[in-house]
Protein backbone atom coordinates (compact mmCIF):
# COMPACT_ATOMS: atom_id res chain seq x y z
CA MET A 1 -0.03 0.02 -0.04
CA TYR A 2 1.40 3.45 -0.90
CA ARG A 3 0.21 7.05 -0.92
CA VAL A 4 0.84 9.41 -3.88
CA THR A 5 0.51 13.19 -3.02
CA ILE A 6 0.49 16.00 -5.62
CA ASP A 7 1.16 19.57 -4.31
CA ARG A 8 -1.02 21.48 -6.81
CA GLY A 9 0.62 24.80 -5.69
CA ALA A 10 4.05 23.54 -7.04
CA CYS A 11 2.52 22.01 -10.17
CA ASP A 12 3.07 24.38 -13.11
CA GLY A 13 1.54 22.64 -16.09
CA VAL A 14 4.62 20.60 -17.12
CA PHE A 15 3.41 17.05 -16.96
CA ALA A 16 6.17 14.83 -17.45
CA CYS A 17 4.44 12.60 -14.84
CA LEU A 18 1.71 11.88 -17.27
CA THR A 19 4.09 9.97 -19.55
CA ARG A 20 5.46 7.77 -16.73
CA ASP A 21 2.17 6.65 -15.19
CA PRO A 22 -1.25 6.49 -16.86
CA ARG A 23 -2.98 7.27 -13.37
CA PHE A 24 -1.65 10.82 -13.59
CA VAL A 25 -4.09 12.96 -15.70
CA GLU A 26 -4.77 16.58 -16.53
CA ASP A 27 -7.86 17.91 -14.84
CA ASP A 28 -10.35 20.57 -16.19
CA ASP A 29 -8.31 23.33 -14.61
CA GLY A 30 -5.11 22.26 -16.46
CA LEU A 31 -3.48 20.84 -13.40
CA ALA A 32 -2.01 17.28 -12.78
CA THR A 33 -4.40 14.96 -10.70
CA LEU A 34 -4.92 11.35 -10.36
CA ASP A 35 -7.55 9.22 -12.10
CA ALA A 36 -10.23 8.65 -9.50
CA ASN A 37 -11.04 5.25 -11.01
CA ALA A 38 -7.54 3.96 -10.19
CA GLY A 39 -7.81 4.01 -6.45
CA THR A 40 -9.04 6.12 -3.40
CA VAL A 41 -8.34 9.65 -4.50
CA GLU A 42 -9.19 12.79 -2.58
CA GLN A 43 -8.74 16.27 -4.07
CA THR A 44 -8.60 19.85 -2.66
CA ASP A 45 -7.42 23.24 -4.09
CA GLU A 46 -4.00 22.58 -2.45
CA SER A 47 -3.34 18.79 -3.10
CA VAL A 48 -4.45 15.58 -4.50
CA VAL A 49 -3.90 12.35 -2.49
CA GLY A 50 -4.34 8.82 -3.82
CA GLU A 51 -3.96 5.68 -1.97
CA PHE A 52 -3.17 2.35 -3.98
CA ASP A 53 -2.76 -1.26 -3.11
CA ASP A 54 -1.43 -2.37 -6.55
CA GLU A 55 1.91 -3.47 -7.69
CA ARG A 56 2.60 -0.18 -9.56
CA ALA A 57 4.58 1.79 -6.82
CA GLU A 58 7.51 2.10 -9.11
CA ASP A 59 5.34 3.64 -11.88
CA ALA A 60 4.36 6.28 -9.45
CA GLU A 61 7.95 6.75 -8.17
CA ALA A 62 8.95 7.17 -11.78
CA ALA A 63 6.29 9.84 -12.26
CA ALA A 64 7.46 11.67 -9.10
CA ALA A 65 11.10 11.63 -10.33
CA ALA A 66 9.96 13.10 -13.64
CA CYS A 67 8.32 16.10 -12.06
CA PRO A 68 10.54 19.16 -12.47
CA PHE A 69 8.79 20.91 -9.53
CA ASP A 70 9.04 18.13 -6.93
CA ALA A 71 5.27 18.35 -6.49
CA ILE A 72 4.85 14.63 -6.19
CA THR A 73 5.73 12.40 -3.27
CA VAL A 74 5.18 8.60 -2.96
CA GLU A 75 5.27 7.05 0.52
CA ALA A 76 4.46 3.67 1.84
CA VAL A 77 1.53 3.40 4.16
CA GLU A 78 -0.12 0.67 6.19
CA GLY A 79 -3.78 -0.28 5.96
CA GLU A 80 -6.60 -0.70 3.28
CA PRO A 81 -7.27 1.93 0.58
């Protein structure tokens, strides 16, 4: 289980993350977000937080590494999504 957080304030419309992980998508406001169908996703004006229990943590980490604004963090968590 892992949590992906996008800091929407730091996100500046350069979406290298979208090419690394298909769960990262552009929202109606032109900001990076997470596909709500991919896991448990909560969104506010400041951040997007998704929790996933699949085997794709490496994809999320690659997306985080591709972000030029360090707006994405990936961390291991315990529990159910």
